[in-house]
Amino acid sequence: NASQDRNPEQMVEVHVDVRKFLQFLAGQQVNPTKAVCNIVRNKI
């Protein structure tokens, strides 16, 4: 039911600590074969 009645253009956002996100990106030395970002609005 997650995408029902949802405008596909509508943005879902989450506010995070930029340093924690940068630490995650810095740990990726090789681009992965698959990389997915899952956002739970304003939670995680």
All heavy atoms as atom14 arrays in JSON, in Angstrom:
{
  "sequence": "NASQDRNPEQMVEVHVDVRKFLQFLAGQQVNPTKAVCNIVRNKI",
  "atom14_mask": [
    [1, 1, 1, 1, 1, 1, 1, 1, 0, 0, 0, 0, 0, 0],
    [1, 1, 1, 1, 1, 0, 0, 0, 0, 0, 0, 0, 0, 0],
    [1, 1, 1, 1, 1, 1, 0, 0, 0, 0, 0, 0, 0, 0],
    [1, 1, 1, 1, 1, 1, 1, 1, 1, 0, 0, 0, 0, 0],
    [1, 1, 1, 1, 1, 1, 1, 1, 0, 0, 0, 0, 0, 0],
    [1, 1, 1, 1, 1, 1, 1, 1, 1, 1, 1, 0, 0, 0],
    [1, 1, 1, 1, 1, 1, 1, 1, 0, 0, 0, 0, 0, 0],
    [1, 1, 1, 1, 1, 1, 1, 0, 0, 0, 0, 0, 0, 0],
    [1, 1, 1, 1, 1, 1, 1, 1, 1, 0, 0, 0, 0, 0],
    [1, 1, 1, 1, 1, 1, 1, 1, 1, 0, 0, 0, 0, 0],
    [1, 1, 1, 1, 1, 1, 1, 1, 0, 0, 0, 0, 0, 0],
    [1, 1, 1, 1, 1, 1, 1, 0, 0, 0, 0, 0, 0, 0],
    [1, 1, 1, 1, 1, 1, 1, 1, 1, 0, 0, 0, 0, 0],
    [1, 1, 1, 1, 1, 1, 1, 0, 0, 0, 0, 0, 0, 0],
    [1, 1, 1, 1, 1, 1, 1, 1, 1, 1, 0, 0, 0, 0],
    [1, 1, 1, 1, 1, 1, 1, 0, 0, 0, 0, 0, 0, 0],
    [1, 1, 1, 1, 1, 1, 1, 1, 0, 0, 0, 0, 0, 0],
    [1, 1, 1, 1, 1, 1, 1, 0, 0, 0, 0, 0, 0, 0],
    [1, 1, 1, 1, 1, 1, 1, 1, 1, 1, 1, 0, 0, 0],
    [1, 1, 1, 1, 1, 1, 1, 1, 1, 0, 0, 0, 0, 0],
    [1, 1, 1, 1, 1, 1, 1, 1, 1, 1, 1, 0, 0, 0],
    [1, 1, 1, 1, 1, 1, 1, 1, 0, 0, 0, 0, 0, 0],
    [1, 1, 1, 1, 1, 1, 1, 1, 1, 0, 0, 0, 0, 0],
    [1, 1, 1, 1, 1, 1, 1, 1, 1, 1, 1, 0, 0, 0],
    [1, 1, 1, 1, 1, 1, 1, 1, 0, 0, 0, 0, 0, 0],
    [1, 1, 1, 1, 1, 0, 0, 0, 0, 0, 0, 0, 0, 0],
    [1, 1, 1, 1, 0, 0, 0, 0, 0, 0, 0, 0, 0, 0],
    [1, 1, 1, 1, 1, 1, 1, 1, 1, 0, 0, 0, 0, 0],
    [1, 1, 1, 1, 1, 1, 1, 1, 1, 0, 0, 0, 0, 0],
    [1, 1, 1, 1, 1, 1, 1, 0, 0, 0, 0, 0, 0, 0],
    [1, 1, 1, 1, 1, 1, 1, 1, 0, 0, 0, 0, 0, 0],
    [1, 1, 1, 1, 1, 1, 1, 0, 0, 0, 0, 0, 0, 0],
    [1, 1, 1, 1, 1, 1, 1, 0, 0, 0, 0, 0, 0, 0],
    [1, 1, 1, 1, 1, 1, 1, 1, 1, 0, 0, 0, 0, 0],
    [1, 1, 1, 1, 1, 0, 0, 0, 0, 0, 0, 0, 0, 0],
    [1, 1, 1, 1, 1, 1, 1, 0, 0, 0, 0, 0, 0, 0],
    [1, 1, 1, 1, 1, 1, 0, 0, 0, 0, 0, 0, 0, 0],
    [1, 1, 1, 1, 1, 1, 1, 1, 0, 0, 0, 0, 0, 0],
    [1, 1, 1, 1, 1, 1, 1, 1, 0, 0, 0, 0, 0, 0],
    [1, 1, 1, 1, 1, 1, 1, 0, 0, 0, 0, 0, 0, 0],
    [1, 1, 1, 1, 1, 1, 1, 1, 1, 1, 1, 0, 0, 0],
    [1, 1, 1, 1, 1, 1, 1, 1, 0, 0, 0, 0, 0, 0],
    [1, 1, 1, 1, 1, 1, 1, 1, 1, 0, 0, 0, 0, 0],
    [1, 1, 1, 1, 1, 1, 1, 1, 0, 0, 0, 0, 0, 0]
  ],
  "atom14_positions": [
    [[0.8, -1.21, 0.0], [0.0, 0.0, 0.0], [0.84, 1.27, 0.0], [0.3, 2.37, -0.02], [-0.92, 0.02, 1.24], [-1.82, -1.2, 1.29], [-2.34, -1.6, 0.26], [-1.98, -1.77, 2.47], [0.0, 0.0, 0.0], [0.0, 0.0, 0.0], [0.0, 0.0, 0.0], [0.0, 0.0, 0.0], [0.0, 0.0, 0.0], [0.0, 0.0, 0.0]],
    [[2.17, 1.11, 0.02], [3.02, 2.28, 0.21], [2.87, 3.3, -0.91], [2.94, 4.5, -0.67], [4.48, 1.84, 0.34], [0.0, 0.0, 0.0], [0.0, 0.0, 0.0], [0.0, 0.0, 0.0], [0.0, 0.0, 0.0], [0.0, 0.0, 0.0], [0.0, 0.0, 0.0], [0.0, 0.0, 0.0], [0.0, 0.0, 0.0], [0.0, 0.0, 0.0]],
    [[2.72, 2.84, -2.13], [2.71, 3.78, -3.25], [1.31, 4.1, -3.76], [1.15, 4.88, -4.69], [3.56, 3.21, -4.4], [3.03, 1.99, -4.85], [0.0, 0.0, 0.0], [0.0, 0.0, 0.0], [0.0, 0.0, 0.0], [0.0, 0.0, 0.0], [0.0, 0.0, 0.0], [0.0, 0.0, 0.0], [0.0, 0.0, 0.0], [0.0, 0.0, 0.0]],
    [[0.28, 3.48, -3.14], [-1.08, 3.75, -3.6], [-1.48, 5.18, -3.23], [-1.15, 5.67, -2.16], [-2.06, 2.75, -2.98], [-1.92, 1.36, -3.59], [-2.96, 0.4, -3.02], [-3.83, 0.81, -2.27], [-2.86, -0.86, -3.4], [0.0, 0.0, 0.0], [0.0, 0.0, 0.0], [0.0, 0.0, 0.0], [0.0, 0.0, 0.0], [0.0, 0.0, 0.0]],
    [[-2.19, 5.84, -4.14], [-2.68, 7.2, -3.91], [-1.54, 8.18, -3.64], [-1.73, 9.18, -2.95], [-3.68, 7.23, -2.73], [-4.83, 6.27, -2.95], [-5.29, 6.15, -4.11], [-5.25, 5.63, -1.98], [0.0, 0.0, 0.0], [0.0, 0.0, 0.0], [0.0, 0.0, 0.0], [0.0, 0.0, 0.0], [0.0, 0.0, 0.0], [0.0, 0.0, 0.0]],
    [[-0.36, 7.88, -4.13], [0.77, 8.77, -3.94], [1.15, 9.41, -5.26], [1.27, 8.71, -6.28], [1.98, 7.99, -3.41], [2.11, 7.91, -1.91], [2.95, 9.02, -1.31], [4.3, 9.01, -1.83], [5.26, 8.17, -1.42], [5.01, 7.27, -0.5], [6.46, 8.25, -1.93], [0.0, 0.0, 0.0], [0.0, 0.0, 0.0], [0.0, 0.0, 0.0]],
    [[1.36, 10.71, -5.24], [1.89, 11.39, -6.41], [3.36, 10.99, -6.56], [4.16, 11.23, -5.64], [1.74, 12.9, -6.21], [2.32, 13.69, -7.37], [2.88, 13.13, -8.32], [2.2, 15.0, -7.3], [0.0, 0.0, 0.0], [0.0, 0.0, 0.0], [0.0, 0.0, 0.0], [0.0, 0.0, 0.0], [0.0, 0.0, 0.0], [0.0, 0.0, 0.0]],
    [[3.75, 10.37, -7.7], [5.16, 9.94, -7.83], [6.15, 11.09, -7.76], [7.34, 10.87, -7.5], [5.19, 9.26, -9.21], [3.96, 9.7, -9.91], [2.94, 10.01, -8.86], [0.0, 0.0, 0.0], [0.0, 0.0, 0.0], [0.0, 0.0, 0.0], [0.0, 0.0, 0.0], [0.0, 0.0, 0.0], [0.0, 0.0, 0.0], [0.0, 0.0, 0.0]],
    [[5.7, 12.31, -7.97], [6.59, 13.47, -7.89], [6.8, 13.94, -6.46], [7.72, 14.7, -6.17], [6.0, 14.64, -8.71], [5.83, 14.35, -10.2], [7.15, 14.41, -10.96], [8.11, 14.98, -10.41], [7.21, 13.87, -12.07], [0.0, 0.0, 0.0], [0.0, 0.0, 0.0], [0.0, 0.0, 0.0], [0.0, 0.0, 0.0], [0.0, 0.0, 0.0]],
    [[5.94, 13.49, -5.54], [5.99, 13.98, -4.17], [7.27, 13.5, -3.47], [7.58, 12.31, -3.46], [4.76, 13.5, -3.39], [4.72, 13.98, -1.95], [3.6, 13.31, -1.17], [2.73, 12.66, -1.77], [3.6, 13.44, 0.14], [0.0, 0.0, 0.0], [0.0, 0.0, 0.0], [0.0, 0.0, 0.0], [0.0, 0.0, 0.0], [0.0, 0.0, 0.0]],
    [[7.99, 14.43, -2.85], [9.25, 14.12, -2.2], [9.02, 13.62, -0.77], [8.15, 14.12, -0.05], [10.15, 15.35, -2.16], [10.77, 15.7, -3.51], [12.02, 14.45, -3.97], [12.57, 15.09, -5.56], [0.0, 0.0, 0.0], [0.0, 0.0, 0.0], [0.0, 0.0, 0.0], [0.0, 0.0, 0.0], [0.0, 0.0, 0.0], [0.0, 0.0, 0.0]],
    [[9.82, 12.64, -0.38], [9.87, 12.17, 1.01], [11.26, 12.52, 1.53], [12.26, 12.22, 0.87], [9.63, 10.65, 1.1], [9.88, 10.15, 2.51], [8.22, 10.3, 0.65], [0.0, 0.0, 0.0], [0.0, 0.0, 0.0], [0.0, 0.0, 0.0], [0.0, 0.0, 0.0], [0.0, 0.0, 0.0], [0.0, 0.0, 0.0], [0.0, 0.0, 0.0]],
    [[11.34, 13.15, 2.69], [12.65, 13.63, 3.15], [12.99, 13.11, 4.54], [12.13, 12.7, 5.33], [12.7, 15.16, 3.13], [11.8, 15.84, 4.13], [11.99, 17.36, 4.13], [12.17, 17.95, 3.04], [11.93, 17.94, 5.22], [0.0, 0.0, 0.0], [0.0, 0.0, 0.0], [0.0, 0.0, 0.0], [0.0, 0.0, 0.0], [0.0, 0.0, 0.0]],
    [[14.27, 13.16, 4.8], [14.79, 12.83, 6.13], [16.0, 13.74, 6.37], [16.8, 13.99, 5.46], [15.17, 11.33, 6.22], [16.29, 10.97, 5.26], [15.55, 10.93, 7.64], [0.0, 0.0, 0.0], [0.0, 0.0, 0.0], [0.0, 0.0, 0.0], [0.0, 0.0, 0.0], [0.0, 0.0, 0.0], [0.0, 0.0, 0.0], [0.0, 0.0, 0.0]],
    [[16.11, 14.27, 7.6], [17.22, 15.14, 7.99], [18.23, 14.29, 8.76], [17.88, 13.65, 9.76], [16.74, 16.29, 8.88], [15.8, 17.23, 8.19], [16.02, 18.58, 8.11], [14.62, 17.02, 7.53], [15.02, 19.17, 7.45], [14.16, 18.23, 7.08], [0.0, 0.0, 0.0], [0.0, 0.0, 0.0], [0.0, 0.0, 0.0], [0.0, 0.0, 0.0]],
    [[19.49, 14.3, 8.32], [20.52, 13.48, 8.97], [21.76, 14.33, 9.27], [21.92, 15.43, 8.72], [20.93, 12.26, 8.11], [19.74, 11.34, 7.89], [21.54, 12.68, 6.78], [0.0, 0.0, 0.0], [0.0, 0.0, 0.0], [0.0, 0.0, 0.0], [0.0, 0.0, 0.0], [0.0, 0.0, 0.0], [0.0, 0.0, 0.0], [0.0, 0.0, 0.0]],
    [[22.61, 13.79, 10.11], [23.89, 14.41, 10.42], [24.81, 14.23, 9.2], [25.09, 13.1, 8.8], [24.5, 13.73, 11.65], [25.78, 14.41, 12.14], [26.56, 14.88, 11.29], [25.99, 14.44, 13.37], [0.0, 0.0, 0.0], [0.0, 0.0, 0.0], [0.0, 0.0, 0.0], [0.0, 0.0, 0.0], [0.0, 0.0, 0.0], [0.0, 0.0, 0.0]],
    [[25.26, 15.32, 8.63], [26.05, 15.24, 7.4], [27.34, 14.45, 7.6], [27.81, 13.75, 6.71], [26.33, 16.66, 6.84], [27.29, 17.43, 7.73], [26.87, 16.59, 5.41], [0.0, 0.0, 0.0], [0.0, 0.0, 0.0], [0.0, 0.0, 0.0], [0.0, 0.0, 0.0], [0.0, 0.0, 0.0], [0.0, 0.0, 0.0], [0.0, 0.0, 0.0]],
    [[27.91, 14.51, 8.81], [29.17, 13.8, 9.07], [28.97, 12.28, 9.08], [29.84, 11.53, 8.63], [29.77, 14.27, 10.4], [30.24, 15.72, 10.39], [30.38, 16.28, 11.78], [29.1, 16.23, 12.5], [28.94, 16.69, 13.74], [29.94, 17.23, 14.39], [27.75, 16.6, 14.33], [0.0, 0.0, 0.0], [0.0, 0.0, 0.0], [0.0, 0.0, 0.0]],
    [[27.81, 11.85, 9.59], [27.52, 10.4, 9.61], [27.3, 9.89, 8.18], [27.72, 8.78, 7.84], [26.29, 10.12, 10.48], [26.58, 10.33, 11.96], [25.35, 10.16, 12.81], [25.7, 10.4, 14.28], [24.5, 10.38, 15.15], [0.0, 0.0, 0.0], [0.0, 0.0, 0.0], [0.0, 0.0, 0.0], [0.0, 0.0, 0.0], [0.0, 0.0, 0.0]],
    [[26.64, 10.69, 7.37], [26.43, 10.3, 5.97], [27.76, 10.27, 5.22], [28.03, 9.36, 4.43], [25.44, 11.26, 5.31], [25.06, 10.89, 3.9], [24.75, 9.58, 3.56], [25.02, 11.84, 2.89], [24.4, 9.22, 2.27], [24.68, 11.5, 1.59], [24.36, 10.19, 1.29], [0.0, 0.0, 0.0], [0.0, 0.0, 0.0], [0.0, 0.0, 0.0]],
    [[28.61, 11.24, 5.5], [29.92, 11.29, 4.84], [30.8, 10.12, 5.25], [31.54, 9.57, 4.43], [30.6, 12.63, 5.15], [31.81, 13.0, 4.3], [31.46, 13.01, 2.82], [32.35, 14.36, 4.7], [0.0, 0.0, 0.0], [0.0, 0.0, 0.0], [0.0, 0.0, 0.0], [0.0, 0.0, 0.0], [0.0, 0.0, 0.0], [0.0, 0.0, 0.0]],
    [[30.7, 9.72, 6.51], [31.48, 8.56, 6.97], [31.06, 7.31, 6.22], [31.89, 6.48, 5.84], [31.28, 8.37, 8.48], [32.13, 7.21, 9.04], [31.94, 7.04, 10.53], [30.93, 7.48, 11.1], [32.88, 6.39, 11.19], [0.0, 0.0, 0.0], [0.0, 0.0, 0.0], [0.0, 0.0, 0.0], [0.0, 0.0, 0.0], [0.0, 0.0, 0.0]],
    [[29.75, 7.16, 6.0], [29.25, 6.02, 5.22], [29.81, 6.05, 3.8], [30.29, 5.04, 3.28], [27.72, 6.05, 5.2], [27.11, 5.23, 4.09], [27.14, 3.84, 4.13], [26.52, 5.85, 2.99], [26.59, 3.09, 3.1], [25.97, 5.1, 1.96], [26.0, 3.72, 2.02], [0.0, 0.0, 0.0], [0.0, 0.0, 0.0], [0.0, 0.0, 0.0]],
    [[29.77, 7.22, 3.15], [30.26, 7.34, 1.76], [31.77, 7.12, 1.69], [32.27, 6.51, 0.74], [29.9, 8.72, 1.2], [28.41, 8.99, 0.98], [28.18, 10.45, 0.61], [27.83, 8.07, -0.08], [0.0, 0.0, 0.0], [0.0, 0.0, 0.0], [0.0, 0.0, 0.0], [0.0, 0.0, 0.0], [0.0, 0.0, 0.0], [0.0, 0.0, 0.0]],
    [[32.5, 7.58, 2.7], [33.96, 7.44, 2.71], [34.37, 5.97, 2.84], [35.46, 5.58, 2.42], [34.56, 8.26, 3.84], [0.0, 0.0, 0.0], [0.0, 0.0, 0.0], [0.0, 0.0, 0.0], [0.0, 0.0, 0.0], [0.0, 0.0, 0.0], [0.0, 0.0, 0.0], [0.0, 0.0, 0.0], [0.0, 0.0, 0.0], [0.0, 0.0, 0.0]],
    [[33.49, 5.15, 3.42], [33.81, 3.74, 3.58], [33.65, 2.92, 2.32], [34.05, 1.75, 2.27], [0.0, 0.0, 0.0], [0.0, 0.0, 0.0], [0.0, 0.0, 0.0], [0.0, 0.0, 0.0], [0.0, 0.0, 0.0], [0.0, 0.0, 0.0], [0.0, 0.0, 0.0], [0.0, 0.0, 0.0], [0.0, 0.0, 0.0], [0.0, 0.0, 0.0]],
    [[33.07, 3.51, 1.28], [32.82, 2.77, 0.03], [33.95, 3.03, -0.96], [33.94, 4.0, -1.69], [31.46, 3.17, -0.57], [30.31, 3.16, 0.41], [30.23, 1.87, 1.21], [30.29, 0.78, 0.67], [30.09, 2.0, 2.53], [0.0, 0.0, 0.0], [0.0, 0.0, 0.0], [0.0, 0.0, 0.0], [0.0, 0.0, 0.0], [0.0, 0.0, 0.0]],
    [[34.96, 2.15, -0.93], [36.13, 2.32, -1.8], [35.84, 1.91, -3.25], [36.44, 2.41, -4.18], [37.31, 1.51, -1.26], [37.68, 1.85, 0.17], [38.07, 3.29, 0.36], [39.03, 3.77, -0.24], [37.33, 4.02, 1.17], [0.0, 0.0, 0.0], [0.0, 0.0, 0.0], [0.0, 0.0, 0.0], [0.0, 0.0, 0.0], [0.0, 0.0, 0.0]],
    [[34.93, 0.98, -3.41], [34.59, 0.47, -4.74], [33.09, 0.66, -4.92], [32.32, 0.39, -4.0], [34.95, -1.03, -4.88], [34.59, -1.54, -6.26], [36.42, -1.26, -4.59], [0.0, 0.0, 0.0], [0.0, 0.0, 0.0], [0.0, 0.0, 0.0], [0.0, 0.0, 0.0], [0.0, 0.0, 0.0], [0.0, 0.0, 0.0], [0.0, 0.0, 0.0]],
    [[32.68, 1.14, -6.1], [31.25, 1.31, -6.31], [30.56, -0.05, -6.29], [30.98, -0.98, -6.98], [30.97, 2.03, -7.63], [29.69, 2.84, -7.57], [29.52, 3.67, -6.68], [28.78, 2.61, -8.49], [0.0, 0.0, 0.0], [0.0, 0.0, 0.0], [0.0, 0.0, 0.0], [0.0, 0.0, 0.0], [0.0, 0.0, 0.0], [0.0, 0.0, 0.0]],
    [[29.52, -0.22, -5.48], [28.88, -1.53, -5.35], [28.12, -1.93, -6.6], [27.77, -1.1, -7.44], [27.92, -1.33, -4.16], [27.65, 0.14, -4.14], [28.89, 0.8, -4.64], [0.0, 0.0, 0.0], [0.0, 0.0, 0.0], [0.0, 0.0, 0.0], [0.0, 0.0, 0.0], [0.0, 0.0, 0.0], [0.0, 0.0, 0.0], [0.0, 0.0, 0.0]],
    [[27.85, -3.24, -6.7], [27.06, -3.73, -7.84], [25.59, -3.34, -7.68], [24.86, -3.23, -8.66], [27.18, -5.27, -7.94], [26.96, -5.84, -6.65], [28.56, -5.67, -8.41], [0.0, 0.0, 0.0], [0.0, 0.0, 0.0], [0.0, 0.0, 0.0], [0.0, 0.0, 0.0], [0.0, 0.0, 0.0], [0.0, 0.0, 0.0], [0.0, 0.0, 0.0]],
    [[25.15, -3.14, -6.44], [23.79, -2.66, -6.18], [23.83, -1.7, -5.01], [24.51, -1.97, -4.0], [22.84, -3.81, -5.84], [21.39, -3.4, -5.67], [20.54, -4.51, -5.05], [20.63, -4.51, -3.54], [19.63, -5.37, -2.87], [0.0, 0.0, 0.0], [0.0, 0.0, 0.0], [0.0, 0.0, 0.0], [0.0, 0.0, 0.0], [0.0, 0.0, 0.0]],
    [[23.14, -0.57, -5.12], [23.08, 0.39, -4.01], [21.69, 1.02, -3.98], [21.28, 1.68, -4.92], [24.15, 1.47, -4.19], [0.0, 0.0, 0.0], [0.0, 0.0, 0.0], [0.0, 0.0, 0.0], [0.0, 0.0, 0.0], [0.0, 0.0, 0.0], [0.0, 0.0, 0.0], [0.0, 0.0, 0.0], [0.0, 0.0, 0.0], [0.0, 0.0, 0.0]],
    [[20.98, 0.77, -2.88], [19.62, 1.27, -2.74], [19.52, 2.11, -1.47], [20.11, 1.76, -0.44], [18.6, 0.1, -2.67], [17.2, 0.6, -2.36], [18.61, -0.7, -3.97], [0.0, 0.0, 0.0], [0.0, 0.0, 0.0], [0.0, 0.0, 0.0], [0.0, 0.0, 0.0], [0.0, 0.0, 0.0], [0.0, 0.0, 0.0], [0.0, 0.0, 0.0]],
    [[18.78, 3.2, -1.55], [18.5, 4.06, -0.41], [17.01, 3.93, -0.09], [16.15, 4.15, -0.96], [18.87, 5.5, -0.75], [18.31, 6.72, 0.44], [0.0, 0.0, 0.0], [0.0, 0.0, 0.0], [0.0, 0.0, 0.0], [0.0, 0.0, 0.0], [0.0, 0.0, 0.0], [0.0, 0.0, 0.0], [0.0, 0.0, 0.0], [0.0, 0.0, 0.0]],
    [[16.7, 3.57, 1.15], [15.31, 3.47, 1.61], [15.06, 4.55, 2.66], [15.77, 4.6, 3.67], [15.04, 2.09, 2.23], [15.32, 0.97, 1.24], [14.76, 0.92, 0.16], [16.2, 0.05, 1.63], [0.0, 0.0, 0.0], [0.0, 0.0, 0.0], [0.0, 0.0, 0.0], [0.0, 0.0, 0.0], [0.0, 0.0, 0.0], [0.0, 0.0, 0.0]],
    [[14.07, 5.39, 2.42], [13.79, 6.5, 3.34], [12.46, 6.24, 4.05], [11.44, 5.98, 3.42], [13.72, 7.84, 2.58], [15.07, 8.16, 1.92], [13.32, 8.97, 3.54], [15.04, 9.41, 1.05], [0.0, 0.0, 0.0], [0.0, 0.0, 0.0], [0.0, 0.0, 0.0], [0.0, 0.0, 0.0], [0.0, 0.0, 0.0], [0.0, 0.0, 0.0]],
    [[12.51, 6.31, 5.39], [11.29, 6.35, 6.2], [11.15, 7.8, 6.65], [12.01, 8.3, 7.38], [11.37, 5.4, 7.4], [10.07, 5.43, 8.2], [11.69, 3.98, 6.95], [0.0, 0.0, 0.0], [0.0, 0.0, 0.0], [0.0, 0.0, 0.0], [0.0, 0.0, 0.0], [0.0, 0.0, 0.0], [0.0, 0.0, 0.0], [0.0, 0.0, 0.0]],
    [[10.1, 8.44, 6.24], [9.95, 9.88, 6.42], [10.22, 10.32, 7.86], [9.59, 9.87, 8.81], [8.52, 10.3, 6.04], [8.28, 11.8, 5.96], [6.81, 12.12, 5.89], [6.13, 11.4, 4.82], [6.0, 11.85, 3.56], [6.5, 13.03, 3.25], [5.38, 11.13, 2.65], [0.0, 0.0, 0.0], [0.0, 0.0, 0.0], [0.0, 0.0, 0.0]],
    [[11.21, 11.22, 7.97], [11.56, 11.87, 9.24], [11.96, 10.88, 10.35], [11.94, 11.23, 11.53], [10.41, 12.75, 9.74], [10.12, 13.89, 8.77], [11.03, 14.4, 8.12], [8.86, 14.28, 8.68], [0.0, 0.0, 0.0], [0.0, 0.0, 0.0], [0.0, 0.0, 0.0], [0.0, 0.0, 0.0], [0.0, 0.0, 0.0], [0.0, 0.0, 0.0]],
    [[12.33, 9.64, 9.95], [12.7, 8.64, 10.97], [14.09, 8.06, 10.76], [14.92, 8.07, 11.67], [11.66, 7.51, 11.02], [10.35, 7.91, 11.68], [9.47, 6.69, 11.9], [8.19, 7.1, 12.63], [7.3, 5.93, 12.82], [0.0, 0.0, 0.0], [0.0, 0.0, 0.0], [0.0, 0.0, 0.0], [0.0, 0.0, 0.0], [0.0, 0.0, 0.0]],
    [[14.32, 7.53, 9.56], [15.59, 6.82, 9.33], [15.85, 6.71, 7.84], [14.92, 6.73, 7.02], [15.54, 5.42, 9.99], [16.94, 4.85, 10.21], [14.67, 4.46, 9.18], [16.96, 3.65, 11.14], [0.0, 0.0, 0.0], [0.0, 0.0, 0.0], [0.0, 0.0, 0.0], [0.0, 0.0, 0.0], [0.0, 0.0, 0.0], [0.0, 0.0, 0.0]]
  ]
}
